[in-house]
Amino acid sequence: MKLSFVAAGFAAVLLASAAAQAQLPPLNFDQAAYITCKEAHAMNPEARKALAVYLAEHAARRRGVIIPDGPMGTQLAHLVRGGCTLSPDAYLFTVIDRAILAEQSRLPKRQ
């Protein structure tokens, strides 16, 4: 009986640890680049937004463009959301990069 309580407690600690890890954004690009849309969706909204902005800024620098606020930024967000809806197992960075590539000609160039 005591062993089952210990096992249940250990399982609860593991689940809490996994849930806490799902809430934290990664610490560097190498970790962030391999987060899937499904994993990002499991994060809390603030962490997910911070991750998406970080990845979008990285992809925009790589493509030589700037992601503006306003309607164009919203358009990119809709493309990313649609891409993640269609392919939840895709890496979030790939979806963001492809959305930027699709809209690259309409985005302001980096100085």
PDB file of N, CA and C in Angstrom:
ATOM      1  N   MET A   1       0.826  -1.188   0.000  1.00  0.00           N
ATOM      2  CA  MET A   1       0.000   0.000   0.000  1.00  0.00           C
ATOM      3  C   MET A   1       0.872   1.254   0.000  1.00  0.00           C
ATOM      4  N   LYS A   2       1.900   1.241   0.872  1.00  0.00           N
ATOM      5  CA  LYS A   2       2.803   2.384   0.953  1.00  0.00           C
ATOM      6  C   LYS A   2       3.529   2.594  -0.367  1.00  0.00           C
ATOM      7  N   LEU A   3       3.894   1.505  -1.024  1.00  0.00           N
ATOM      8  CA  LEU A   3       4.594   1.575  -2.301  1.00  0.00           C
ATOM      9  C   LEU A   3       3.716   2.217  -3.375  1.00  0.00           C
ATOM     10  N   SER A   4       2.422   1.926  -3.354  1.00  0.00           N
ATOM     11  CA  SER A   4       1.536   2.508  -4.362  1.00  0.00           C
ATOM     12  C   SER A   4       1.401   4.013  -4.163  1.00  0.00           C
ATOM     13  N   PHE A   5       1.415   4.488  -2.894  1.00  0.00           N
ATOM     14  CA  PHE A   5       1.376   5.925  -2.640  1.00  0.00           C
ATOM     15  C   PHE A   5       2.653   6.598  -3.129  1.00  0.00           C
ATOM     16  N   VAL A   6       3.778   5.946  -2.919  1.00  0.00           N
ATOM     17  CA  VAL A   6       5.052   6.484  -3.382  1.00  0.00           C
ATOM     18  C   VAL A   6       5.064   6.550  -4.909  1.00  0.00           C
ATOM     19  N   ALA A   7       4.601   5.483  -5.559  1.00  0.00           N
ATOM     20  CA  ALA A   7       4.551   5.455  -7.024  1.00  0.00           C
ATOM     21  C   ALA A   7       3.608   6.537  -7.552  1.00  0.00           C
ATOM     22  N   ALA A   8       2.462   6.707  -6.892  1.00  0.00           N
ATOM     23  CA  ALA A   8       1.507   7.729  -7.323  1.00  0.00           C
ATOM     24  C   ALA A   8       2.100   9.121  -7.120  1.00  0.00           C
ATOM     25  N   GLY A   9       2.806   9.324  -6.026  1.00  0.00           N
ATOM     26  CA  GLY A   9       3.444  10.613  -5.777  1.00  0.00           C
ATOM     27  C   GLY A   9       4.533  10.906  -6.798  1.00  0.00           C
ATOM     28  N   PHE A  10       5.317   9.888  -7.121  1.00  0.00           N
ATOM     29  CA  PHE A  10       6.375  10.039  -8.123  1.00  0.00           C
ATOM     30  C   PHE A  10       5.774  10.365  -9.486  1.00  0.00           C
ATOM     31  N   ALA A  11       4.688   9.694  -9.839  1.00  0.00           N
ATOM     32  CA  ALA A  11       4.027   9.966 -11.123  1.00  0.00           C
ATOM     33  C   ALA A  11       3.490  11.395 -11.161  1.00  0.00           C
ATOM     34  N   ALA A  12       2.951  11.858 -10.037  1.00  0.00           N
ATOM     35  CA  ALA A  12       2.432  13.227  -9.986  1.00  0.00           C
ATOM     36  C   ALA A  12       3.555  14.247 -10.155  1.00  0.00           C
ATOM     37  N   VAL A  13       4.704  13.974  -9.549  1.00  0.00           N
ATOM     38  CA  VAL A  13       5.854  14.872  -9.698  1.00  0.00           C
ATOM     39  C   VAL A  13       6.326  14.906 -11.144  1.00  0.00           C
ATOM     40  N   LEU A  14       6.373  13.744 -11.790  1.00  0.00           N
ATOM     41  CA  LEU A  14       6.787  13.691 -13.197  1.00  0.00           C
ATOM     42  C   LEU A  14       5.817  14.457 -14.084  1.00  0.00           C
ATOM     43  N   LEU A  15       4.522  14.288 -13.856  1.00  0.00           N
ATOM     44  CA  LEU A  15       3.531  15.005 -14.660  1.00  0.00           C
ATOM     45  C   LEU A  15       3.624  16.504 -14.431  1.00  0.00           C
ATOM     46  N   ALA A  16       3.807  16.917 -13.189  1.00  0.00           N
ATOM     47  CA  ALA A  16       3.939  18.348 -12.903  1.00  0.00           C
ATOM     48  C   ALA A  16       5.192  18.910 -13.561  1.00  0.00           C
ATOM     49  N   SER A  17       6.271  18.136 -13.556  1.00  0.00           N
ATOM     50  CA  SER A  17       7.510  18.570 -14.184  1.00  0.00           C
ATOM     51  C   SER A  17       7.330  18.717 -15.689  1.00  0.00           C
ATOM     52  N   ALA A  18       6.660  17.743 -16.307  1.00  0.00           N
ATOM     53  CA  ALA A  18       6.423  17.811 -17.751  1.00  0.00           C
ATOM     54  C   ALA A  18       5.526  18.999 -18.093  1.00  0.00           C
ATOM     55  N   ALA A  19       4.517  19.238 -17.269  1.00  0.00           N
ATOM     56  CA  ALA A  19       3.628  20.375 -17.520  1.00  0.00           C
ATOM     57  C   ALA A  19       4.377  21.688 -17.364  1.00  0.00           C
ATOM     58  N   ALA A  20       5.245  21.771 -16.377  1.00  0.00           N
ATOM     59  CA  ALA A  20       6.019  22.999 -16.181  1.00  0.00           C
ATOM     60  C   ALA A  20       6.969  23.233 -17.340  1.00  0.00           C
ATOM     61  N   GLN A  21       7.568  22.166 -17.858  1.00  0.00           N
ATOM     62  CA  GLN A  21       8.473  22.312 -18.988  1.00  0.00           C
ATOM     63  C   GLN A  21       7.731  22.773 -20.227  1.00  0.00           C
ATOM     64  N   ALA A  22       6.488  22.339 -20.384  1.00  0.00           N
ATOM     65  CA  ALA A  22       5.702  22.746 -21.544  1.00  0.00           C
ATOM     66  C   ALA A  22       5.350  24.227 -21.478  1.00  0.00           C
ATOM     67  N   GLN A  23       5.412  24.826 -20.295  1.00  0.00           N
ATOM     68  CA  GLN A  23       5.056  26.222 -20.123  1.00  0.00           C
ATOM     69  C   GLN A  23       6.221  27.162 -20.370  1.00  0.00           C
ATOM     70  N   LEU A  24       7.440  26.651 -20.333  1.00  0.00           N
ATOM     71  CA  LEU A  24       8.614  27.507 -20.452  1.00  0.00           C
ATOM     72  C   LEU A  24       9.108  27.573 -21.888  1.00  0.00           C
ATOM     73  N   PRO A  25       9.411  28.767 -22.396  1.00  0.00           N
ATOM     74  CA  PRO A  25       9.993  28.845 -23.730  1.00  0.00           C
ATOM     75  C   PRO A  25      11.440  28.355 -23.686  1.00  0.00           C
ATOM     76  N   PRO A  26      11.965  27.883 -24.802  1.00  0.00           N
ATOM     77  CA  PRO A  26      13.347  27.411 -24.831  1.00  0.00           C
ATOM     78  C   PRO A  26      14.333  28.550 -24.604  1.00  0.00           C
ATOM     79  N   LEU A  27      15.549  28.175 -24.247  1.00  0.00           N
ATOM     80  CA  LEU A  27      16.546  29.162 -23.883  1.00  0.00           C
ATOM     81  C   LEU A  27      17.388  29.643 -25.055  1.00  0.00           C
ATOM     82  N   ASN A  28      17.486  28.871 -26.126  1.00  0.00           N
ATOM     83  CA  ASN A  28      18.307  29.286 -27.266  1.00  0.00           C
ATOM     84  C   ASN A  28      17.675  28.827 -28.580  1.00  0.00           C
ATOM     85  N   PHE A  29      18.233  29.301 -29.677  1.00  0.00           N
ATOM     86  CA  PHE A  29      17.645  28.987 -30.973  1.00  0.00           C
ATOM     87  C   PHE A  29      17.677  27.489 -31.270  1.00  0.00           C
ATOM     88  N   ASP A  30      18.759  26.807 -30.910  1.00  0.00           N
ATOM     89  CA  ASP A  30      18.854  25.378 -31.191  1.00  0.00           C
ATOM     90  C   ASP A  30      17.715  24.599 -30.535  1.00  0.00           C
ATOM     91  N   GLN A  31      17.280  25.036 -29.363  1.00  0.00           N
ATOM     92  CA  GLN A  31      16.139  24.387 -28.711  1.00  0.00           C
ATOM     93  C   GLN A  31      14.830  24.859 -29.341  1.00  0.00           C
ATOM     94  N   ALA A  32      14.732  26.145 -29.617  1.00  0.00           N
ATOM     95  CA  ALA A  32      13.490  26.719 -30.138  1.00  0.00           C
ATOM     96  C   ALA A  32      13.150  26.204 -31.536  1.00  0.00           C
ATOM     97  N   ALA A  33      14.148  25.956 -32.340  1.00  0.00           N
ATOM     98  CA  ALA A  33      13.916  25.558 -33.730  1.00  0.00           C
ATOM     99  C   ALA A  33      13.235  24.200 -33.857  1.00  0.00           C
ATOM    100  N   TYR A  34      13.339  23.382 -32.843  1.00  0.00           N
ATOM    101  CA  TYR A  34      12.790  22.030 -32.931  1.00  0.00           C
ATOM    102  C   TYR A  34      11.520  21.838 -32.113  1.00  0.00           C
ATOM    103  N   ILE A  35      10.829  22.913 -31.837  1.00  0.00           N
ATOM    104  CA  ILE A  35       9.538  22.823 -31.161  1.00  0.00           C
ATOM    105  C   ILE A  35       8.458  22.734 -32.229  1.00  0.00           C
ATOM    106  N   THR A  36       7.611  21.745 -32.113  1.00  0.00           N
ATOM    107  CA  THR A  36       6.536  21.580 -33.087  1.00  0.00           C
ATOM    108  C   THR A  36       5.378  22.518 -32.753  1.00  0.00           C
ATOM    109  N   CYS A  37       4.500  22.673 -33.704  1.00  0.00           N
ATOM    110  CA  CYS A  37       3.310  23.488 -33.478  1.00  0.00           C
ATOM    111  C   CYS A  37       2.488  22.922 -32.325  1.00  0.00           C
ATOM    112  N   LYS A  38       2.399  21.609 -32.258  1.00  0.00           N
ATOM    113  CA  LYS A  38       1.639  20.960 -31.200  1.00  0.00           C
ATOM    114  C   LYS A  38       2.246  21.253 -29.828  1.00  0.00           C
ATOM    115  N   GLU A  39       3.562  21.205 -29.733  1.00  0.00           N
ATOM    116  CA  GLU A  39       4.237  21.514 -28.471  1.00  0.00           C
ATOM    117  C   GLU A  39       4.063  22.985 -28.107  1.00  0.00           C
ATOM    118  N   ALA A  40       4.129  23.859 -29.096  1.00  0.00           N
ATOM    119  CA  ALA A  40       3.934  25.292 -28.837  1.00  0.00           C
ATOM    120  C   ALA A  40       2.511  25.551 -28.359  1.00  0.00           C
ATOM    121  N   HIS A  41       1.560  24.834 -28.919  1.00  0.00           N
ATOM    122  CA  HIS A  41       0.168  25.001 -28.531  1.00  0.00           C
ATOM    123  C   HIS A  41      -0.047  24.608 -27.070  1.00  0.00           C
ATOM    124  N   ALA A  42       0.758  23.678 -26.572  1.00  0.00           N
ATOM    125  CA  ALA A  42       0.645  23.225 -25.183  1.00  0.00           C
ATOM    126  C   ALA A  42       1.217  24.248 -24.193  1.00  0.00           C
ATOM    127  N   MET A  43       1.973  25.230 -24.674  1.00  0.00           N
ATOM    128  CA  MET A  43       2.550  26.261 -23.802  1.00  0.00           C
ATOM    129  C   MET A  43       1.476  27.255 -23.378  1.00  0.00           C
ATOM    130  N   ASN A  44       1.767  27.986 -22.302  1.00  0.00           N
ATOM    131  CA  ASN A  44       0.832  29.051 -21.940  1.00  0.00           C
ATOM    132  C   ASN A  44       0.935  30.155 -22.991  1.00  0.00           C
ATOM    133  N   PRO A  45      -0.095  30.975 -23.128  1.00  0.00           N
ATOM    134  CA  PRO A  45      -0.120  31.965 -24.214  1.00  0.00           C
ATOM    135  C   PRO A  45       1.071  32.929 -24.240  1.00  0.00           C
ATOM    136  N   GLU A  46       1.533  33.353 -23.063  1.00  0.00           N
ATOM    137  CA  GLU A  46       2.660  34.296 -23.039  1.00  0.00           C
ATOM    138  C   GLU A  46       3.937  33.642 -23.551  1.00  0.00           C
ATOM    139  N   ALA A  47       4.187  32.409 -23.118  1.00  0.00           N
ATOM    140  CA  ALA A  47       5.384  31.695 -23.563  1.00  0.00           C
ATOM    141  C   ALA A  47       5.305  31.395 -25.061  1.00  0.00           C
ATOM    142  N   ARG A  48       4.127  31.015 -25.522  1.00  0.00           N
ATOM    143  CA  ARG A  48       3.943  30.723 -26.952  1.00  0.00           C
ATOM    144  C   ARG A  48       4.176  31.969 -27.795  1.00  0.00           C
ATOM    145  N   LYS A  49       3.657  33.111 -27.342  1.00  0.00           N
ATOM    146  CA  LYS A  49       3.837  34.359 -28.085  1.00  0.00           C
ATOM    147  C   LYS A  49       5.310  34.757 -28.101  1.00  0.00           C
ATOM    148  N   ALA A  50       5.976  34.641 -26.955  1.00  0.00           N
ATOM    149  CA  ALA A  50       7.405  34.980 -26.885  1.00  0.00           C
ATOM    150  C   ALA A  50       8.216  34.090 -27.818  1.00  0.00           C
ATOM    151  N   LEU A  51       7.894  32.819 -27.858  1.00  0.00           N
ATOM    152  CA  LEU A  51       8.580  31.886 -28.748  1.00  0.00           C
ATOM    153  C   LEU A  51       8.348  32.256 -30.203  1.00  0.00           C
ATOM    154  N   ALA A  52       7.104  32.531 -30.569  1.00  0.00           N
ATOM    155  CA  ALA A  52       6.778  32.864 -31.957  1.00  0.00           C
ATOM    156  C   ALA A  52       7.462  34.160 -32.393  1.00  0.00           C
ATOM    157  N   VAL A  53       7.490  35.158 -31.525  1.00  0.00           N
ATOM    158  CA  VAL A  53       8.149  36.423 -31.859  1.00  0.00           C
ATOM    159  C   VAL A  53       9.646  36.203 -32.028  1.00  0.00           C
ATOM    160  N   TYR A  54      10.238  35.436 -31.130  1.00  0.00           N
ATOM    161  CA  TYR A  54      11.675  35.136 -31.212  1.00  0.00           C
ATOM    162  C   TYR A  54      12.006  34.440 -32.529  1.00  0.00           C
ATOM    163  N   LEU A  55      11.227  33.424 -32.877  1.00  0.00           N
ATOM    164  CA  LEU A  55      11.481  32.689 -34.120  1.00  0.00           C
ATOM    165  C   LEU A  55      11.209  33.557 -35.349  1.00  0.00           C
ATOM    166  N   ALA A  56      10.179  34.386 -35.289  1.00  0.00           N
ATOM    167  CA  ALA A  56       9.856  35.266 -36.419  1.00  0.00           C
ATOM    168  C   ALA A  56      10.962  36.294 -36.642  1.00  0.00           C
ATOM    169  N   GLU A  57      11.491  36.851 -35.571  1.00  0.00           N
ATOM    170  CA  GLU A  57      12.585  37.809 -35.710  1.00  0.00           C
ATOM    171  C   GLU A  57      13.822  37.142 -36.302  1.00  0.00           C
ATOM    172  N   HIS A  58      14.089  35.927 -35.880  1.00  0.00           N
ATOM    173  CA  HIS A  58      15.243  35.196 -36.420  1.00  0.00           C
ATOM    174  C   HIS A  58      15.054  34.931 -37.917  1.00  0.00           C
ATOM    175  N   ALA A  59      13.883  34.449 -38.287  1.00  0.00           N
ATOM    176  CA  ALA A  59      13.609  34.161 -39.699  1.00  0.00           C
ATOM    177  C   ALA A  59      13.624  35.435 -40.537  1.00  0.00           C
ATOM    178  N   ALA A  60      13.083  36.531 -39.996  1.00  0.00           N
ATOM    179  CA  ALA A  60      13.059  37.799 -40.737  1.00  0.00           C
ATOM    180  C   ALA A  60      14.475  38.318 -40.970  1.00  0.00           C
ATOM    181  N   ARG A  61      15.331  38.212 -39.958  1.00  0.00           N
ATOM    182  CA  ARG A  61      16.731  38.633 -40.145  1.00  0.00           C
ATOM    183  C   ARG A  61      17.386  37.794 -41.235  1.00  0.00           C
ATOM    184  N   ARG A  62      17.135  36.508 -41.210  1.00  0.00           N
ATOM    185  CA  ARG A  62      17.723  35.612 -42.200  1.00  0.00           C
ATOM    186  C   ARG A  62      17.248  35.941 -43.618  1.00  0.00           C
ATOM    187  N   ARG A  63      16.002  36.361 -43.732  1.00  0.00           N
ATOM    188  CA  ARG A  63      15.427  36.695 -45.044  1.00  0.00           C
ATOM    189  C   ARG A  63      15.661  38.150 -45.436  1.00  0.00           C
ATOM    190  N   GLY A  64      16.221  38.964 -44.522  1.00  0.00           N
ATOM    191  CA  GLY A  64      16.516  40.358 -44.837  1.00  0.00           C
ATOM    192  C   GLY A  64      15.314  41.268 -44.837  1.00  0.00           C
ATOM    193  N   VAL A  65      14.306  40.931 -44.038  1.00  0.00           N
ATOM    194  CA  VAL A  65      13.096  41.751 -43.967  1.00  0.00           C
ATOM    195  C   VAL A  65      12.783  42.086 -42.513  1.00  0.00           C
ATOM    196  N   ILE A  66      11.803  42.961 -42.356  1.00  0.00           N
ATOM    197  CA  ILE A  66      11.318  43.346 -41.041  1.00  0.00           C
ATOM    198  C   ILE A  66       9.854  42.937 -40.945  1.00  0.00           C
ATOM    199  N   ILE A  67       9.456  42.445 -39.800  1.00  0.00           N
ATOM    200  CA  ILE A  67       8.051  42.111 -39.590  1.00  0.00           C
ATOM    201  C   ILE A  67       7.382  43.330 -38.970  1.00  0.00           C
ATOM    202  N   PRO A  68       6.504  43.981 -39.722  1.00  0.00           N
ATOM    203  CA  PRO A  68       5.866  45.193 -39.203  1.00  0.00           C
ATOM    204  C   PRO A  68       4.683  44.861 -38.289  1.00  0.00           C
ATOM    205  N   ASP A  69       4.348  45.828 -37.439  1.00  0.00           N
ATOM    206  CA  ASP A  69       3.108  45.732 -36.678  1.00  0.00           C
ATOM    207  C   ASP A  69       1.976  46.089 -37.625  1.00  0.00           C
ATOM    208  N   GLY A  70       0.774  45.785 -37.254  1.00  0.00           N
ATOM    209  CA  GLY A  70      -0.366  46.164 -38.071  1.00  0.00           C
ATOM    210  C   GLY A  70      -0.851  45.040 -38.957  1.00  0.00           C
ATOM    211  N   PRO A  71      -1.487  45.398 -40.065  1.00  0.00           N
ATOM    212  CA  PRO A  71      -2.132  44.397 -40.913  1.00  0.00           C
ATOM    213  C   PRO A  71      -1.176  43.346 -41.498  1.00  0.00           C
ATOM    214  N   MET A  72       0.016  43.741 -41.876  1.00  0.00           N
ATOM    215  CA  MET A  72       0.959  42.779 -42.458  1.00  0.00           C
ATOM    216  C   MET A  72       1.422  41.774 -41.404  1.00  0.00           C
ATOM    217  N   GLY A  73       1.674  42.238 -40.196  1.00  0.00           N
ATOM    218  CA  GLY A  73       2.038  41.332 -39.110  1.00  0.00           C
ATOM    219  C   GLY A  73       0.897  40.382 -38.786  1.00  0.00           C
ATOM    220  N   THR A  74      -0.316  40.902 -38.822  1.00  0.00           N
ATOM    221  CA  THR A  74      -1.495  40.074 -38.580  1.00  0.00           C
ATOM    222  C   THR A  74      -1.652  39.038 -39.677  1.00  0.00           C
ATOM    223  N   GLN A  75      -1.394  39.424 -40.923  1.00  0.00           N
ATOM    224  CA  GLN A  75      -1.467  38.489 -42.051  1.00  0.00           C
ATOM    225  C   GLN A  75      -0.475  37.342 -41.855  1.00  0.00           C
ATOM    226  N   LEU A  76       0.735  37.659 -41.443  1.00  0.00           N
ATOM    227  CA  LEU A  76       1.735  36.618 -41.186  1.00  0.00           C
ATOM    228  C   LEU A  76       1.277  35.687 -40.070  1.00  0.00           C
ATOM    229  N   ALA A  77       0.699  36.263 -39.025  1.00  0.00           N
ATOM    230  CA  ALA A  77       0.213  35.455 -37.909  1.00  0.00           C
ATOM    231  C   ALA A  77      -0.882  34.500 -38.368  1.00  0.00           C
ATOM    232  N   HIS A  78      -1.747  34.971 -39.254  1.00  0.00           N
ATOM    233  CA  HIS A  78      -2.809  34.101 -39.780  1.00  0.00           C
ATOM    234  C   HIS A  78      -2.227  32.972 -40.631  1.00  0.00           C
ATOM    235  N   LEU A  79      -1.204  33.281 -41.406  1.00  0.00           N
ATOM    236  CA  LEU A  79      -0.557  32.232 -42.198  1.00  0.00           C
ATOM    237  C   LEU A  79       0.081  31.169 -41.300  1.00  0.00           C
ATOM    238  N   VAL A  80       0.722  31.617 -40.230  1.00  0.00           N
ATOM    239  CA  VAL A  80       1.354  30.678 -39.295  1.00  0.00           C
ATOM    240  C   VAL A  80       0.292  29.842 -38.605  1.00  0.00           C
ATOM    241  N   ARG A  81      -0.765  30.486 -38.177  1.00  0.00           N
ATOM    242  CA  ARG A  81      -1.843  29.744 -37.511  1.00  0.00           C
ATOM    243  C   ARG A  81      -2.446  28.700 -38.439  1.00  0.00           C
ATOM    244  N   GLY A  82      -2.668  29.073 -39.683  1.00  0.00           N
ATOM    245  CA  GLY A  82      -3.207  28.116 -40.655  1.00  0.00           C
ATOM    246  C   GLY A  82      -2.242  26.981 -40.928  1.00  0.00           C
ATOM    247  N   GLY A  83      -0.963  27.296 -41.051  1.00  0.00           N
ATOM    248  CA  GLY A  83       0.041  26.255 -41.283  1.00  0.00           C
ATOM    249  C   GLY A  83       0.121  25.278 -40.130  1.00  0.00           C
ATOM    250  N   CYS A  84       0.029  25.791 -38.916  1.00  0.00           N
ATOM    251  CA  CYS A  84       0.076  24.908 -37.743  1.00  0.00           C
ATOM    252  C   CYS A  84      -1.206  24.095 -37.607  1.00  0.00           C
ATOM    253  N   THR A  85      -2.320  24.656 -38.035  1.00  0.00           N
ATOM    254  CA  THR A  85      -3.571  23.908 -38.001  1.00  0.00           C
ATOM    255  C   THR A  85      -3.522  22.747 -38.993  1.00  0.00           C
ATOM    256  N   LEU A  86      -2.983  23.004 -40.178  1.00  0.00           N
ATOM    257  CA  LEU A  86      -2.892  21.953 -41.191  1.00  0.00           C
ATOM    258  C   LEU A  86      -1.850  20.897 -40.860  1.00  0.00           C
ATOM    259  N   SER A  87      -0.775  21.307 -40.199  1.00  0.00           N
ATOM    260  CA  SER A  87       0.318  20.378 -39.914  1.00  0.00           C
ATOM    261  C   SER A  87       0.844  20.595 -38.494  1.00  0.00           C
ATOM    262  N   PRO A  88       0.133  20.065 -37.489  1.00  0.00           N
ATOM    263  CA  PRO A  88       0.546  20.300 -36.102  1.00  0.00           C
ATOM    264  C   PRO A  88       1.885  19.676 -35.731  1.00  0.00           C
ATOM    265  N   ASP A  89       2.353  18.709 -36.496  1.00  0.00           N
ATOM    266  CA  ASP A  89       3.637  18.077 -36.198  1.00  0.00           C
ATOM    267  C   ASP A  89       4.809  18.791 -36.873  1.00  0.00           C
ATOM    268  N   ALA A  90       4.524  19.850 -37.623  1.00  0.00           N
ATOM    269  CA  ALA A  90       5.598  20.622 -38.267  1.00  0.00           C
ATOM    270  C   ALA A  90       6.310  21.465 -37.224  1.00  0.00           C
ATOM    271  N   TYR A  91       7.574  21.753 -37.481  1.00  0.00           N
ATOM    272  CA  TYR A  91       8.308  22.634 -36.587  1.00  0.00           C
ATOM    273  C   TYR A  91       7.771  24.049 -36.741  1.00  0.00           C
ATOM    274  N   LEU A  92       7.531  24.709 -35.631  1.00  0.00           N
ATOM    275  CA  LEU A  92       6.991  26.069 -35.648  1.00  0.00           C
ATOM    276  C   LEU A  92       7.899  27.007 -36.431  1.00  0.00           C
ATOM    277  N   PHE A  93       9.215  26.865 -36.289  1.00  0.00           N
ATOM    278  CA  PHE A  93      10.138  27.728 -37.021  1.00  0.00           C
ATOM    279  C   PHE A  93       9.956  27.574 -38.531  1.00  0.00           C
ATOM    280  N   THR A  94       9.779  26.354 -38.986  1.00  0.00           N
ATOM    281  CA  THR A  94       9.593  26.114 -40.423  1.00  0.00           C
ATOM    282  C   THR A  94       8.320  26.782 -40.917  1.00  0.00           C
ATOM    283  N   VAL A  95       7.248  26.666 -40.166  1.00  0.00           N
ATOM    284  CA  VAL A  95       5.977  27.291 -40.555  1.00  0.00           C
ATOM    285  C   VAL A  95       6.133  28.809 -40.608  1.00  0.00           C
ATOM    286  N   ILE A  96       6.790  29.381 -39.605  1.00  0.00           N
ATOM    287  CA  ILE A  96       6.999  30.831 -39.579  1.00  0.00           C
ATOM    288  C   ILE A  96       7.884  31.274 -40.737  1.00  0.00           C
ATOM    289  N   ASP A  97       8.958  30.548 -40.980  1.00  0.00           N
ATOM    290  CA  ASP A  97       9.876  30.901 -42.067  1.00  0.00           C
ATOM    291  C   ASP A  97       9.177  30.834 -43.423  1.00  0.00           C
ATOM    292  N   ARG A  98       8.364  29.834 -43.630  1.00  0.00           N
ATOM    293  CA  ARG A  98       7.636  29.714 -44.910  1.00  0.00           C
ATOM    294  C   ARG A  98       6.598  30.818 -45.074  1.00  0.00           C
ATOM    295  N   ALA A  99       5.970  31.233 -43.979  1.00  0.00           N
ATOM    296  CA  ALA A  99       5.015  32.344 -44.056  1.00  0.00           C
ATOM    297  C   ALA A  99       5.742  33.633 -44.439  1.00  0.00           C
ATOM    298  N   ILE A 100       6.907  33.845 -43.839  1.00  0.00           N
ATOM    299  CA  ILE A 100       7.705  35.036 -44.180  1.00  0.00           C
ATOM    300  C   ILE A 100       8.166  34.957 -45.629  1.00  0.00           C
ATOM    301  N   LEU A 101       8.581  33.801 -46.071  1.00  0.00           N
ATOM    302  CA  LEU A 101       9.013  33.626 -47.461  1.00  0.00           C
ATOM    303  C   LEU A 101       7.860  33.908 -48.426  1.00  0.00           C
ATOM    304  N   ALA A 102       6.655  33.460 -48.075  1.00  0.00           N
ATOM    305  CA  ALA A 102       5.495  33.689 -48.945  1.00  0.00           C
ATOM    306  C   ALA A 102       5.168  35.177 -49.065  1.00  0.00           C
ATOM    307  N   GLU A 103       5.403  35.935 -48.009  1.00  0.00           N
ATOM    308  CA  GLU A 103       5.078  37.364 -48.007  1.00  0.00           C
ATOM    309  C   GLU A 103       6.297  38.263 -48.164  1.00  0.00           C
ATOM    310  N   GLN A 104       7.446  37.683 -48.444  1.00  0.00           N
ATOM    311  CA  GLN A 104       8.708  38.424 -48.467  1.00  0.00           C
ATOM    312  C   GLN A 104       8.682  39.638 -49.389  1.00  0.00           C
ATOM    313  N   SER A 105       8.073  39.533 -50.537  1.00  0.00           N
ATOM    314  CA  SER A 105       8.078  40.656 -51.483  1.00  0.00           C
ATOM    315  C   SER A 105       7.272  41.843 -50.967  1.00  0.00           C
ATOM    316  N   ARG A 106       6.356  41.616 -50.043  1.00  0.00           N
ATOM    317  CA  ARG A 106       5.522  42.686 -49.497  1.00  0.00           C
ATOM    318  C   ARG A 106       6.030  43.246 -48.171  1.00  0.00           C
ATOM    319  N   LEU A 107       7.046  42.615 -47.611  1.00  0.00           N
ATOM    320  CA  LEU A 107       7.577  43.051 -46.324  1.00  0.00           C
ATOM    321  C   LEU A 107       8.670  44.105 -46.521  1.00  0.00           C
ATOM    322  N   PRO A 108       8.785  45.049 -45.575  1.00  0.00           N
ATOM    323  CA  PRO A 108       9.844  46.058 -45.692  1.00  0.00           C
ATOM    324  C   PRO A 108      11.228  45.410 -45.554  1.00  0.00           C
ATOM    325  N   LYS A 109      12.153  45.892 -46.336  1.00  0.00           N
ATOM    326  CA  LYS A 109      13.530  45.368 -46.306  1.00  0.00           C
ATOM    327  C   LYS A 109      14.269  45.910 -45.115  1.00  0.00           C
ATOM    328  N   ARG A 110      15.208  45.109 -44.618  1.00  0.00           N
ATOM    329  CA  ARG A 110      16.078  45.522 -43.520  1.00  0.00           C
ATOM    330  C   ARG A 110      17.101  46.532 -44.035  1.00  0.00           C
ATOM    331  N   GLN A 111      17.418  47.516 -43.236  1.00  0.00           N
ATOM    332  CA  GLN A 111      18.401  48.534 -43.616  1.00  0.00           C
ATOM    333  C   GLN A 111      19.798  48.075 -43.336  1.00  0.00           C
TER     334      GLN A 111
END
